[in-house]
């Protein structure tokens, strides 16, 4: 379909949108104004899209539309009082659409089948009406080698029953077959062409039972498999949700059954009337939360089942990958879906496409051959920039993989430092991927980018840069020395040889290149407490208000080895200076000046 990574959105108002891999709209086409309730579409080998119009039976509902790979409407065909529920393209390029048409004998519909050429010329139509005035409709359609189709659907005699009809490319009815169990309503879900040239039809047949009927290519019934999805006495509402070809001329059937308030979803492989080769439970959820369930096969063997589930005010799409032996190999969850998964199909590259109706539209989504792709990482900038910390920002779409992200950062494009790895939920939603409080150095330009990886690959965001603000000390250094790396500009240097290092000159308002005592430099004093009358050692000092980013801590000692802040208090004086007082028996005091 042109770009195999594009997405198609088919709206309930018959609007079809093509979505580019990055999410941009490639094209949008509205096919009709009629509101539809169901849908069907297929794509031919050339990438043309065929949409079966479906809605309330009435005039003006478009039965079939053809769109080009770029989204242009090639043609649209309208047949009054029809609705299409299935559409296929055979190996000769002919298009068949099946569904129902209003019956001339009453208000209900007859099963309807029409063939069109690739340029939209109607070749023939066929209809089937059951013996009772009850609705007859197609539920599945499969193209056969050499042209022609087999259509299956539901018809009525005394109860609902399967009907399967084979038509040649010329429209000749080649065979017709019925299946039902006496006194049991039987409703087919779909049909597949089996590996031995026959067809298999599967549907519900009773409150807990699914039936699979196998026919030869000439319509001879070969076997019927009836399998109870649950042995529980209160099991009800059995339904087939998907059917796919399986080895040995059989089929894999996806079914669900309600037991009490729980919906149980199972996958089973049938090749004869004998019990299934295997039956694998896939999911068990509250019945009120289970959405539509669908099935497709994988080119390399195995199957994918997808089911929608409501919960936490959103809808999840749960993928289960089952191998040829019926074992679940992996399970992934997408919270991107705002509706249900109504159908699945598989591309030649193994990619899985899910048709997911939402409120107001339908979407086709593409997932990688293992239901995931390499994550998409986007470097999105930074904020909360301080002299020594920053928050790095980005987004990551995990693309259904178990994804971890981190940031690379450093003073050059080779980075050199990384943040700790963080994990993201398994879905396909672009998510904020922030890293707060990254430790950096002041006055420095940094390169950074986000990196995200899962089992399908690694993605790198674009390189970006930021520059941390200079500290007050760095600005002071530039003012007095002309640059940050000038000679004798380190905090512990004393270029004027006055015994006061640069950091102390900065702290107390001194001039580092001119000898002399800074105006706020510490001065030792004995101090008498006005409360107790005791006399204590003290230091009076006046920090320069511009000297931010440093810490001045008074400490005391008895031996000039061990220093402590215990018993040391700082008193703010009326002239703006500070007095540090050692209220213990210490004989020595000093100020410790620290800078990050």
Protein backbone atom coordinates (compact mmCIF):
# COMPACT_ATOMS: atom_id res chain seq x y z
CA UNK A 1 0.00 0.00 0.00
CA UNK A 2 2.63 2.48 -1.08
CA UNK A 3 4.58 3.24 2.05
CA UNK A 4 4.13 0.02 4.08
CA UNK A 5 4.53 1.95 7.28
CA UNK A 6 1.64 4.32 6.60
CA UNK A 7 -1.61 3.96 8.49
CA UNK A 8 -5.13 4.20 7.13
CA UNK A 9 -8.01 5.59 9.16
CA UNK A 10 -11.52 4.63 8.05
CA UNK A 11 -14.10 6.85 9.75
CA UNK A 12 -17.65 6.04 10.66
CA UNK A 13 -18.70 8.82 8.29
CA UNK A 14 -16.95 6.95 5.47
CA UNK A 15 -13.89 9.13 5.71
CA UNK A 16 -10.56 7.46 4.99
CA UNK A 17 -7.33 9.05 6.19
CA UNK A 18 -3.79 7.94 5.39
CA UNK A 19 -1.40 8.63 8.25
CA UNK A 20 2.35 8.88 7.74
CA UNK A 21 4.72 6.92 10.00
CA UNK A 22 5.38 10.01 12.07
CA UNK A 23 1.68 10.75 12.45
CA UNK A 24 1.22 13.41 9.76
CA UNK A 25 -1.87 13.16 7.55
CA UNK A 26 -0.94 12.07 4.03
CA UNK A 27 -4.47 12.36 2.71
CA UNK A 28 -8.10 12.39 3.77
CA UNK A 29 -11.08 11.36 1.66
CA UNK A 30 -14.79 11.40 2.51
CA UNK A 31 -16.69 8.74 0.61
CA UNK A 32 -20.28 9.48 1.67
CA UNK A 33 -22.29 11.34 4.24
CA UNK A 34 -24.17 8.30 5.51
CA UNK A 35 -23.32 7.27 9.04
CA UNK A 36 -22.20 3.65 9.11
CA UNK A 37 -22.32 1.14 11.91
CA UNK A 38 -20.00 -1.56 10.55
CA UNK A 39 -17.13 -1.67 8.09
CA UNK A 40 -14.94 -3.84 5.88
CA UNK A 41 -11.94 -3.08 3.73
CA UNK A 42 -9.16 -4.84 1.87
CA UNK A 43 -6.07 -3.85 -0.07
CA UNK A 44 -4.98 -5.35 -3.39
CA UNK A 45 -1.34 -6.13 -4.31
CA UNK A 46 -1.01 -2.74 -6.05
CA UNK A 47 -2.00 -0.88 -2.88
CA UNK A 48 -5.52 0.12 -3.93
CA UNK A 49 -7.99 0.24 -1.05
CA UNK A 50 -11.52 -1.18 -1.32
CA UNK A 51 -14.09 -0.12 1.26
CA UNK A 52 -17.41 -1.91 1.68
CA UNK A 53 -20.01 0.63 2.70
CA UNK A 54 -22.15 -0.59 5.56
CA UNK A 55 -24.94 0.93 7.57
CA UNK A 56 -28.67 0.78 8.06
CA UNK A 57 -30.23 -0.76 5.00
CA UNK A 58 -31.67 2.08 2.97
CA UNK A 59 -31.15 4.10 -0.19
CA UNK A 60 -27.89 5.89 -0.83
CA UNK A 61 -25.59 3.77 1.27
CA UNK A 62 -22.41 3.29 -0.78
CA UNK A 63 -21.80 -0.41 -1.25
CA UNK A 64 -18.22 -0.26 -2.53
CA UNK A 65 -15.54 2.39 -3.04
CA UNK A 66 -12.08 2.15 -4.55
CA UNK A 67 -9.29 4.45 -3.42
CA UNK A 68 -5.87 4.78 -4.98
CA UNK A 69 -2.75 4.22 -2.87
CA UNK A 70 -2.51 7.99 -2.48
CA UNK A 71 -6.10 8.21 -1.23
CA UNK A 72 -7.84 9.50 -4.32
CA UNK A 73 -11.33 8.19 -4.97
CA UNK A 74 -11.15 6.08 -8.12
CA UNK A 75 -14.81 5.10 -8.12
CA UNK A 76 -17.78 4.53 -5.83
CA UNK A 77 -20.71 2.20 -6.43
CA UNK A 78 -24.05 2.60 -4.68
CA UNK A 79 -26.74 -0.06 -4.59
CA UNK A 80 -29.95 0.84 -2.79
CA UNK A 81 -30.93 -1.11 0.30
CA UNK A 82 -27.61 -2.95 0.67
CA UNK A 83 -24.96 -3.14 3.30
CA UNK A 84 -21.55 -4.72 2.86
CA UNK A 85 -19.98 -6.80 5.60
CA UNK A 86 -17.06 -8.40 3.69
CA UNK A 87 -14.90 -7.54 0.69
CA UNK A 88 -12.09 -9.48 -1.01
CA UNK A 89 -9.95 -9.29 -4.15
CA UNK A 90 -9.25 -12.53 -6.02
CA UNK A 91 -6.05 -13.48 -7.82
CA UNK A 92 -7.52 -12.20 -11.10
CA UNK A 93 -7.99 -8.69 -9.69
CA UNK A 94 -11.78 -8.90 -9.40
CA UNK A 95 -13.51 -7.45 -6.34
CA UNK A 96 -16.29 -9.23 -4.48
CA UNK A 97 -18.45 -7.63 -1.83
CA UNK A 98 -20.90 -9.56 0.33
CA UNK A 99 -23.50 -8.59 2.86
CA UNK A 100 -27.26 -8.21 2.67
CA UNK A 101 -29.93 -6.55 0.55
CA UNK A 102 -33.48 -5.70 1.48
CA UNK A 103 -35.83 -8.55 0.68
CA UNK A 104 -38.76 -7.87 -1.67
CA UNK A 105 -40.84 -10.28 0.44
CA UNK A 106 -40.58 -8.44 3.72
CA UNK A 107 -38.61 -6.07 5.93
CA UNK A 108 -35.65 -8.38 6.39
CA UNK A 109 -32.59 -8.75 4.21
CA UNK A 110 -31.38 -11.45 1.85
CA UNK A 111 -27.79 -12.60 1.59
CA UNK A 112 -26.15 -10.56 -1.17
CA UNK A 113 -23.00 -11.02 -3.26
CA UNK A 114 -21.69 -8.81 -6.07
CA UNK A 115 -18.66 -8.94 -8.33
CA UNK A 116 -16.96 -5.87 -9.81
CA UNK A 117 -14.08 -5.44 -12.19
CA UNK A 118 -11.09 -3.41 -11.07
CA UNK A 119 -12.52 -0.39 -12.90
CA UNK A 120 -15.80 -0.65 -11.02
CA UNK A 121 -18.01 -2.30 -13.60
CA UNK A 122 -20.57 -4.60 -12.02
CA UNK A 123 -20.11 -8.11 -13.40
CA UNK A 124 -22.96 -9.90 -11.68
CA UNK A 125 -24.98 -10.06 -8.47
CA UNK A 126 -26.39 -12.98 -6.54
CA UNK A 127 -28.76 -13.20 -3.60
CA UNK A 128 -30.05 -15.93 -1.33
CA UNK A 129 -33.28 -15.90 0.67
CA UNK A 130 -34.05 -18.47 3.31
CA UNK A 131 -37.31 -20.30 3.60
CA UNK A 132 -38.58 -18.04 6.38
CA UNK A 133 -38.95 -14.29 6.35
CA UNK A 134 -35.92 -13.83 8.53
CA UNK A 135 -32.71 -11.87 7.95
CA UNK A 136 -30.09 -13.64 5.84
CA UNK A 137 -26.67 -12.05 5.65
CA UNK A 138 -23.08 -12.82 4.75
CA UNK A 139 -20.56 -12.91 7.57
CA UNK A 140 -17.43 -14.02 5.73
CA UNK A 141 -15.93 -14.20 2.27
CA UNK A 142 -12.80 -15.84 0.86
CA UNK A 143 -11.31 -15.72 -2.64
CA UNK A 144 -10.40 -19.03 -4.25
CA UNK A 145 -7.49 -19.81 -6.60
CA UNK A 146 -8.29 -19.18 -10.25
CA UNK A 147 -11.13 -16.77 -9.45
CA UNK A 148 -14.41 -17.03 -7.68
CA UNK A 149 -15.29 -17.00 -4.03
CA UNK A 150 -16.85 -18.93 -1.19
CA UNK A 151 -19.21 -16.90 0.97
CA UNK A 152 -20.59 -17.93 4.34
CA UNK A 153 -23.37 -16.41 6.34
CA UNK A 154 -26.38 -17.00 8.49
CA UNK A 155 -29.79 -18.09 7.29
CA UNK A 156 -32.93 -19.32 9.01
CA UNK A 157 -34.94 -22.47 8.81
CA UNK A 158 -36.41 -23.30 12.20
CA UNK A 159 -33.26 -21.82 13.79
CA UNK A 160 -30.21 -19.90 12.72
CA UNK A 161 -27.82 -22.03 10.71
CA UNK A 162 -24.63 -21.82 8.67
CA UNK A 163 -24.93 -21.39 4.91
CA UNK A 164 -21.87 -21.67 2.68
CA UNK A 165 -21.99 -21.07 -1.08
CA UNK A 166 -19.34 -21.43 -3.79
CA UNK A 167 -19.52 -19.22 -6.86
CA UNK A 168 -17.29 -19.40 -9.92
CA UNK A 169 -15.67 -16.33 -11.41
CA UNK A 170 -18.58 -16.24 -13.86
CA UNK A 171 -21.13 -16.24 -11.06
CA UNK A 172 -22.25 -19.83 -11.39
CA UNK A 173 -23.38 -21.44 -8.15
CA UNK A 174 -21.13 -24.49 -7.82
CA UNK A 175 -22.28 -25.80 -4.47
CA UNK A 176 -24.24 -24.86 -1.38
CA UNK A 177 -24.03 -26.37 2.08
CA UNK A 178 -25.87 -25.93 5.37
CA UNK A 179 -24.97 -26.78 8.93
CA UNK A 180 -26.89 -26.65 12.16
CA UNK A 181 -27.62 -28.70 15.23
CA UNK A 182 -31.33 -29.42 15.78
CA UNK A 183 -32.82 -27.03 18.27
CA UNK A 184 -29.60 -25.01 18.54
CA UNK A 185 -28.98 -21.58 17.04
CA UNK A 186 -25.82 -21.69 14.94
CA UNK A 187 -24.25 -18.50 13.61
CA UNK A 188 -21.05 -18.50 11.54
CA UNK A 189 -18.39 -15.90 12.16
CA UNK A 190 -16.05 -16.33 9.21
CA UNK A 191 -14.38 -18.55 6.65
CA UNK A 192 -10.79 -19.36 5.64
CA UNK A 193 -9.22 -21.23 2.78
CA UNK A 194 -7.36 -24.22 4.17
CA UNK A 195 -3.96 -25.54 3.13
CA UNK A 196 -5.46 -28.52 1.25
CA UNK A 197 -7.66 -26.40 -1.02
CA UNK A 198 -10.83 -26.64 1.03
CA UNK A 199 -12.52 -24.15 3.31
CA UNK A 200 -13.33 -24.08 7.01
CA UNK A 201 -16.24 -22.17 8.53
CA UNK A 202 -16.43 -21.45 12.26
CA UNK A 203 -19.12 -19.97 14.45
CA UNK A 204 -21.12 -20.38 17.62
CA UNK A 205 -23.48 -23.31 18.01
CA UNK A 206 -25.09 -23.34 21.42
CA UNK A 207 -24.45 -21.45 24.67
CA UNK A 208 -20.93 -22.80 25.26
CA UNK A 209 -19.94 -24.46 22.00
CA UNK A 210 -18.09 -23.37 18.88
CA UNK A 211 -18.44 -25.39 15.70
CA UNK A 212 -15.91 -25.65 12.88
CA UNK A 213 -17.14 -27.18 9.62
CA UNK A 214 -14.66 -28.38 7.01
CA UNK A 215 -15.57 -28.63 3.32
CA UNK A 216 -13.53 -29.86 0.41
CA UNK A 217 -12.94 -27.59 -2.56
CA UNK A 218 -15.96 -29.19 -4.23
CA UNK A 219 -18.19 -28.59 -1.23
CA UNK A 220 -18.22 -32.06 0.27
CA UNK A 221 -18.55 -31.91 4.06
CA UNK A 222 -15.47 -33.56 5.56
CA UNK A 223 -15.87 -33.11 9.28
CA UNK A 224 -17.49 -31.04 12.02
CA UNK A 225 -15.66 -30.17 15.19
CA UNK A 226 -17.76 -29.11 18.16
CA UNK A 227 -15.77 -27.88 21.14
CA UNK A 228 -17.10 -26.56 24.42
CA UNK A 229 -15.19 -23.46 25.44
CA UNK A 230 -16.12 -24.10 29.06
CA UNK A 231 -17.47 -27.03 31.04
CA UNK A 232 -19.16 -24.74 33.54
CA UNK A 233 -22.89 -25.26 33.88
CA UNK A 234 -23.50 -21.50 33.71
CA UNK A 235 -21.37 -20.94 30.60
CA UNK A 236 -23.18 -18.84 28.01
CA UNK A 237 -22.79 -16.51 25.05
CA UNK A 238 -20.16 -18.58 23.25
CA UNK A 239 -18.84 -16.70 20.23
CA UNK A 240 -16.20 -17.20 17.57
CA UNK A 241 -14.05 -14.09 17.35
CA UNK A 242 -11.58 -15.16 14.67
CA UNK A 243 -10.55 -17.95 12.33
CA UNK A 244 -7.24 -18.54 10.61
CA UNK A 245 -5.70 -21.33 8.51
CA UNK A 246 -3.72 -24.02 10.33
CA UNK A 247 -1.54 -26.96 9.22
CA UNK A 248 -3.06 -30.29 8.11
CA UNK A 249 -5.98 -28.58 6.43
CA UNK A 250 -7.41 -27.37 9.69
CA UNK A 251 -8.12 -24.05 11.31
CA UNK A 252 -7.24 -22.10 14.40
CA UNK A 253 -10.33 -20.67 16.05
CA UNK A 254 -10.48 -17.82 18.54
CA UNK A 255 -13.48 -18.02 20.83
CA UNK A 256 -14.93 -16.49 23.94
CA UNK A 257 -17.51 -17.60 26.47
CA UNK A 258 -19.05 -15.94 29.51
CA UNK A 259 -18.96 -17.84 32.79
CA UNK A 260 -20.83 -15.94 35.47
CA UNK A 261 -19.41 -12.43 35.31
CA UNK A 262 -16.14 -13.48 33.64
CA UNK A 263 -15.31 -13.64 29.95
CA UNK A 264 -12.84 -16.37 28.99
CA UNK A 265 -10.94 -16.12 25.70
CA UNK A 266 -9.31 -19.22 24.22
CA UNK A 267 -7.50 -20.24 21.05
CA UNK A 268 -7.81 -23.78 19.69
CA UNK A 269 -6.47 -25.70 16.72
CA UNK A 270 -8.84 -28.15 15.05
CA UNK A 271 -7.96 -30.54 12.21
CA UNK A 272 -10.79 -33.07 12.45
CA UNK A 273 -13.87 -34.00 14.44
CA UNK A 274 -11.58 -35.17 17.23
CA UNK A 275 -10.80 -32.94 20.20
CA UNK A 276 -8.63 -29.93 19.38
CA UNK A 277 -4.90 -30.48 18.85
CA UNK A 278 -4.49 -27.87 21.55
CA UNK A 279 -6.64 -25.35 23.40
CA UNK A 280 -4.88 -22.40 24.96
CA UNK A 281 -6.54 -20.02 27.42
CA UNK A 282 -5.53 -16.47 26.52
CA UNK A 283 -7.43 -14.12 28.80
CA UNK A 284 -9.94 -14.05 31.61
CA UNK A 285 -11.46 -10.65 32.36
CA UNK A 286 -14.74 -9.25 33.68
CA UNK A 287 -17.26 -9.78 30.92
CA UNK A 288 -18.34 -6.14 31.08
CA UNK A 289 -14.78 -5.06 30.28
CA UNK A 290 -14.03 -7.37 27.35
CA UNK A 291 -14.11 -5.69 23.97
CA UNK A 292 -13.88 -7.14 20.51
CA UNK A 293 -11.34 -9.88 19.89
CA UNK A 294 -9.56 -10.66 16.62
CA UNK A 295 -7.05 -13.10 15.14
CA UNK A 296 -4.46 -13.29 12.38
CA UNK A 297 -1.66 -15.66 11.41
CA UNK A 298 2.05 -14.93 11.07
CA UNK A 299 4.04 -15.80 7.94
CA UNK A 300 6.70 -17.55 10.00
CA UNK A 301 4.17 -19.69 11.84
CA UNK A 302 1.96 -18.97 14.80
CA UNK A 303 -0.89 -16.59 15.43
CA UNK A 304 -1.65 -13.26 17.01
CA UNK A 305 -4.80 -12.62 19.00
CA UNK A 306 -5.79 -9.12 20.04
CA UNK A 307 -8.53 -8.18 22.44
CA UNK A 308 -9.85 -4.86 23.65
CA UNK A 309 -10.41 -4.32 27.35
CA UNK A 310 -11.99 -1.37 29.12
CA UNK A 311 -10.43 -0.14 32.33
CA UNK A 312 -9.27 2.98 34.12
CA UNK A 313 -11.19 5.19 31.69
CA UNK A 314 -9.26 3.96 28.68
CA UNK A 315 -9.21 0.95 26.40
CA UNK A 316 -6.32 -1.45 26.24
CA UNK A 317 -5.42 -3.59 23.24
CA UNK A 318 -3.80 -6.79 24.47
CA UNK A 319 -1.73 -8.80 21.98
CA UNK A 320 -0.99 -12.48 22.58
CA UNK A 321 1.47 -14.29 20.32
CA UNK A 322 0.89 -18.05 20.16
CA UNK A 323 3.33 -20.43 18.48
CA UNK A 324 2.51 -23.45 16.31
CA UNK A 325 2.25 -25.65 19.42
CA UNK A 326 -0.30 -23.35 21.03
CA UNK A 327 2.05 -21.88 23.61
CA UNK A 328 1.83 -18.17 24.41
CA UNK A 329 5.23 -16.70 23.57
CA UNK A 330 4.72 -13.09 24.54
CA UNK A 331 2.05 -10.61 25.42
CA UNK A 332 2.07 -6.88 24.89
CA UNK A 333 -0.36 -4.16 25.86
CA UNK A 334 -1.16 -0.98 23.96
CA UNK A 335 -3.07 1.82 25.68
CA UNK A 336 -3.12 3.87 22.50
CA UNK A 337 -6.42 2.43 21.40
CA UNK A 338 -9.53 4.44 22.27
CA UNK A 339 -11.89 1.81 20.89
CA UNK A 340 -11.76 -1.92 20.28
CA UNK A 341 -9.85 -4.22 17.95
CA UNK A 342 -12.37 -5.30 15.35
CA UNK A 343 -10.02 -7.13 12.99
CA UNK A 344 -6.41 -8.06 12.41
CA UNK A 345 -4.43 -8.86 9.30
CA UNK A 346 -0.80 -9.65 8.60
CA UNK A 347 1.47 -8.15 5.96
CA UNK A 348 4.02 -10.08 3.94
CA UNK A 349 6.75 -8.73 6.22
CA UNK A 350 5.01 -10.14 9.28
CA UNK A 351 3.78 -6.77 10.47
CA UNK A 352 0.40 -6.90 12.18
CA UNK A 353 -2.30 -4.40 11.27
CA UNK A 354 -5.11 -3.79 13.76
CA UNK A 355 -8.39 -2.13 12.81
CA UNK A 356 -9.46 -0.23 15.92
CA UNK A 357 -12.75 1.66 15.95
CA UNK A 358 -12.86 4.71 18.16
CA UNK A 359 -15.59 7.14 19.05
CA UNK A 360 -16.42 8.61 15.66
CA UNK A 361 -13.85 6.89 13.48
CA UNK A 362 -11.97 3.69 12.74
CA UNK A 363 -8.24 3.36 12.56
CA UNK A 364 -5.83 0.86 11.12
CA UNK A 365 -2.63 0.63 13.14
CA UNK A 366 0.55 -1.12 12.15
CA UNK A 367 2.69 -3.06 14.61
CA UNK A 368 6.08 -4.57 13.92
CA UNK A 369 6.56 -8.27 13.19
CA UNK A 370 7.06 -8.92 16.90
CA UNK A 371 4.29 -6.46 17.85
CA UNK A 372 6.84 -3.85 18.62
CA UNK A 373 9.40 -1.63 16.94
CA UNK A 374 12.45 0.25 18.10
CA UNK A 375 11.37 3.13 20.33
CA UNK A 376 11.14 6.65 18.97
CA UNK A 377 13.21 9.04 21.09
CA UNK A 378 12.98 12.82 20.80
CA UNK A 379 15.23 15.24 22.67
CA UNK A 380 12.91 18.01 23.82
CA UNK A 381 15.17 20.50 25.60
CA UNK A 382 15.71 21.34 29.25
CA UNK A 383 14.40 23.48 32.08
CA UNK A 384 15.07 24.23 35.78
CA UNK A 385 18.59 25.28 34.78
CA UNK A 386 20.73 26.24 37.76
CA UNK A 387 24.45 26.68 38.18
CA UNK A 388 24.89 23.06 39.29
CA UNK A 389 21.73 21.22 38.16
CA UNK A 390 19.31 20.94 35.25
CA UNK A 391 16.27 18.91 34.22
CA UNK A 392 16.61 17.23 30.82
CA UNK A 393 13.44 16.72 28.76
CA UNK A 394 12.44 14.34 26.03
CA UNK A 395 9.70 12.07 24.76
CA UNK A 396 9.79 8.36 23.98
CA UNK A 397 7.27 6.21 22.13
CA UNK A 398 7.97 2.65 23.34
CA UNK A 399 6.21 1.16 20.28
CA UNK A 400 4.90 -1.70 22.42
CA UNK A 401 8.36 -2.70 23.64
CA UNK A 402 9.72 -3.00 27.18
CA UNK A 403 11.67 0.24 26.84
CA UNK A 404 14.39 1.90 28.92
CA UNK A 405 15.65 5.44 28.38
CA UNK A 406 18.53 7.54 29.67
CA UNK A 407 20.43 10.69 28.72
CA UNK A 408 23.98 11.11 27.52
CA UNK A 409 25.57 14.45 28.42
CA UNK A 410 28.95 16.09 28.64
CA UNK A 411 31.07 19.05 27.51
CA UNK A 412 31.61 17.63 24.00
CA UNK A 413 29.63 15.76 21.36
CA UNK A 414 31.10 12.52 22.70
CA UNK A 415 29.25 13.19 26.00
CA UNK A 416 31.00 11.01 28.61
CA UNK A 417 28.30 10.89 31.29
CA UNK A 418 24.94 9.14 31.47
CA UNK A 419 21.92 9.36 33.72
CA UNK A 420 20.42 6.23 35.34
CA UNK A 421 18.09 4.20 33.12
CA UNK A 422 14.33 4.59 33.57
CA UNK A 423 11.58 2.30 32.27
CA UNK A 424 8.33 3.18 30.51
CA UNK A 425 4.93 1.47 30.29
CA UNK A 426 4.55 -1.03 27.46
CA UNK A 427 2.38 0.81 24.97
CA UNK A 428 2.69 2.93 21.86
CA UNK A 429 2.05 6.37 23.30
CA UNK A 430 4.69 9.13 23.12
CA UNK A 431 5.46 9.72 26.78
CA UNK A 432 7.35 12.41 28.66
CA UNK A 433 10.79 11.12 29.57
CA UNK A 434 12.36 13.60 31.97
CA UNK A 435 15.49 13.41 34.09
CA UNK A 436 15.45 15.94 36.95
CA UNK A 437 18.36 17.13 39.02
CA UNK A 438 21.18 16.22 36.66
CA UNK A 439 24.42 17.32 38.30
CA UNK A 440 26.45 19.78 36.18
CA UNK A 441 29.20 22.33 36.63
CA UNK A 442 28.52 26.07 36.52
CA UNK A 443 29.51 28.23 33.59
CA UNK A 444 29.83 25.24 31.26
CA UNK A 445 28.30 24.35 27.89
CA UNK A 446 26.93 20.81 27.73
CA UNK A 447 25.82 18.57 24.89
CA UNK A 448 23.03 16.09 25.62
CA UNK A 449 20.61 13.69 23.95
CA UNK A 450 18.06 11.07 24.97
CA UNK A 451 18.64 7.38 24.22
CA UNK A 452 15.86 4.76 24.31
CA UNK A 453 16.09 1.03 23.64
CA UNK A 454 14.04 -2.14 23.63
CA UNK A 455 14.53 -5.58 22.16
CA UNK A 456 13.76 -4.25 18.66
CA UNK A 457 16.50 -1.63 18.67
CA UNK A 458 17.89 1.64 20.01
CA UNK A 459 16.87 5.17 19.11
CA UNK A 460 18.88 8.35 19.66
CA UNK A 461 17.39 11.79 20.02
CA UNK A 462 19.03 14.77 18.35
CA UNK A 463 21.96 16.47 20.06
CA UNK A 464 21.16 19.69 21.90
CA UNK A 465 23.14 22.01 24.13
CA UNK A 466 22.70 24.19 27.18
CA UNK A 467 25.05 26.45 29.13
CA UNK A 468 24.85 26.62 32.89
CA UNK A 469 24.89 30.07 34.52
CA UNK A 470 28.17 31.31 35.92
CA UNK A 471 28.52 31.43 39.68
CA UNK A 472 29.11 34.69 41.45
CA UNK A 473 32.70 33.59 42.04
CA UNK A 474 33.23 32.96 38.32
CA UNK A 475 31.88 36.42 37.51
CA UNK A 476 34.15 37.91 40.20
CA UNK A 477 37.10 36.04 38.69
CA UNK A 478 36.39 37.43 35.21
CA UNK A 479 36.08 40.94 36.63
CA UNK A 480 39.41 40.81 38.50
CA UNK A 481 41.48 38.44 36.36
CA UNK A 482 39.98 38.81 32.88
CA UNK A 483 38.94 35.19 32.49
CA UNK A 484 38.10 31.96 34.25
CA UNK A 485 41.40 30.31 33.45
CA UNK A 486 43.69 33.28 34.09
CA UNK A 487 46.87 32.68 36.10
CA UNK A 488 46.52 32.93 39.88
CA UNK A 489 42.70 32.93 39.67
CA UNK A 490 42.04 29.68 41.52
CA UNK A 491 40.17 29.98 44.87
CA UNK A 492 43.25 28.94 46.86
CA UNK A 493 45.68 31.27 45.04
CA UNK A 494 47.04 34.46 46.70
CA UNK A 495 48.38 36.61 43.85
CA UNK A 496 48.97 39.75 45.98
CA UNK A 497 50.79 37.73 48.67
CA UNK A 498 48.85 39.38 51.49
CA UNK A 499 48.07 36.06 53.14
CA UNK A 500 44.43 36.11 52.05
CA UNK A 501 43.46 33.63 49.33
CA UNK A 502 41.12 34.54 46.51
CA UNK A 503 38.10 32.78 48.01
CA UNK A 504 38.41 34.82 51.20
CA UNK A 505 38.93 38.02 49.18
CA UNK A 506 35.69 37.19 47.33
CA UNK A 507 33.77 36.35 50.51
CA UNK A 508 34.60 39.57 52.31
CA UNK A 509 34.77 42.13 49.49
CA UNK A 510 38.52 42.25 48.94
CA UNK A 511 40.65 43.06 45.87
CA UNK A 512 42.76 39.99 44.99
CA UNK A 513 45.48 41.88 43.15
CA UNK A 514 45.88 44.67 45.70
CA UNK A 515 47.37 43.86 49.08
CA UNK A 516 45.36 44.74 52.15
CA UNK A 517 42.62 43.51 54.43
CA UNK A 518 39.15 43.16 52.84
CA UNK A 519 36.51 45.39 54.48
CA UNK A 520 34.50 42.48 55.89
CA UNK A 521 37.44 40.30 56.86
CA UNK A 522 37.05 38.37 60.15
CA UNK A 523 38.30 40.04 63.34
CA UNK A 524 38.73 38.10 66.60
CA UNK A 525 37.17 39.69 69.67
CA UNK A 526 36.40 38.72 73.25
CA UNK A 527 32.70 39.15 73.86
CA UNK A 528 30.77 39.53 77.09
CA UNK A 529 27.27 38.09 77.08
CA UNK A 530 24.73 40.72 78.17
CA UNK A 531 22.60 37.97 79.69
CA UNK A 532 25.10 36.01 81.76
CA UNK A 533 28.09 38.35 81.94
CA UNK A 534 30.37 35.54 80.80
CA UNK A 535 33.14 36.38 78.32
CA UNK A 536 33.56 34.22 75.20
CA UNK A 537 35.81 33.99 72.16
CA UNK A 538 34.14 35.45 69.08
CA UNK A 539 34.78 36.43 65.47
CA UNK A 540 33.16 39.44 63.83
CA UNK A 541 32.88 39.42 60.02
CA UNK A 542 30.81 40.99 57.24
CA UNK A 543 30.18 38.79 54.17
CA UNK A 544 30.02 40.65 50.87
CA UNK A 545 26.33 40.55 49.75
CA UNK A 546 27.49 39.86 46.17
CA UNK A 547 29.39 36.77 47.29
CA UNK A 548 26.59 34.28 46.67
CA UNK A 549 27.02 30.57 46.21
CA UNK A 550 29.34 30.06 49.15
CA UNK A 551 28.88 28.91 52.72
CA UNK A 552 30.63 30.50 55.71
CA UNK A 553 30.65 28.23 58.74
CA UNK A 554 32.15 29.27 62.12
CA UNK A 555 33.80 26.40 64.02
CA UNK A 556 35.69 26.08 67.29
CA UNK A 557 38.47 23.84 68.64
CA UNK A 558 40.60 23.16 71.70
CA UNK A 559 43.52 21.54 69.85
CA UNK A 560 43.55 23.04 66.35
CA UNK A 561 42.89 19.50 65.07
CA UNK A 562 39.28 18.72 65.83
CA UNK A 563 36.83 21.43 64.86
CA UNK A 564 33.15 21.57 65.71
CA UNK A 565 30.08 23.73 65.28
CA UNK A 566 28.74 22.52 68.60
CA UNK A 567 28.19 25.46 70.98
CA UNK A 568 28.88 28.01 68.23
CA UNK A 569 26.16 30.57 67.59
CA UNK A 570 25.98 33.37 65.01
CA UNK A 571 24.49 36.71 66.05
CA UNK A 572 23.32 39.22 63.43
CA UNK A 573 24.40 42.66 64.54
CA UNK A 574 22.70 46.02 63.91
CA UNK A 575 25.46 47.25 61.61
CA UNK A 576 25.00 44.28 59.26
CA UNK A 577 27.99 42.33 60.48
CA UNK A 578 27.87 38.91 62.06
CA UNK A 579 29.38 37.74 65.35
CA UNK A 580 30.22 34.07 65.79
CA UNK A 581 30.50 33.13 69.48
CA UNK A 582 31.99 29.94 70.95
CA UNK A 583 29.92 29.43 74.08
CA UNK A 584 31.90 26.46 75.28
CA UNK A 585 35.43 26.25 76.66
CA UNK A 586 37.13 26.19 73.25
CA UNK A 587 40.22 28.35 72.91
CA UNK A 588 40.31 28.66 69.12
CA UNK A 589 37.85 29.76 66.42
CA UNK A 590 37.92 30.06 62.67
CA UNK A 591 35.65 30.44 59.66
CA UNK A 592 35.38 27.72 57.04
CA UNK A 593 34.46 28.97 53.55
CA UNK A 594 33.16 26.38 51.12
CA UNK A 595 32.00 26.61 47.54
CA UNK A 596 30.39 23.77 45.53
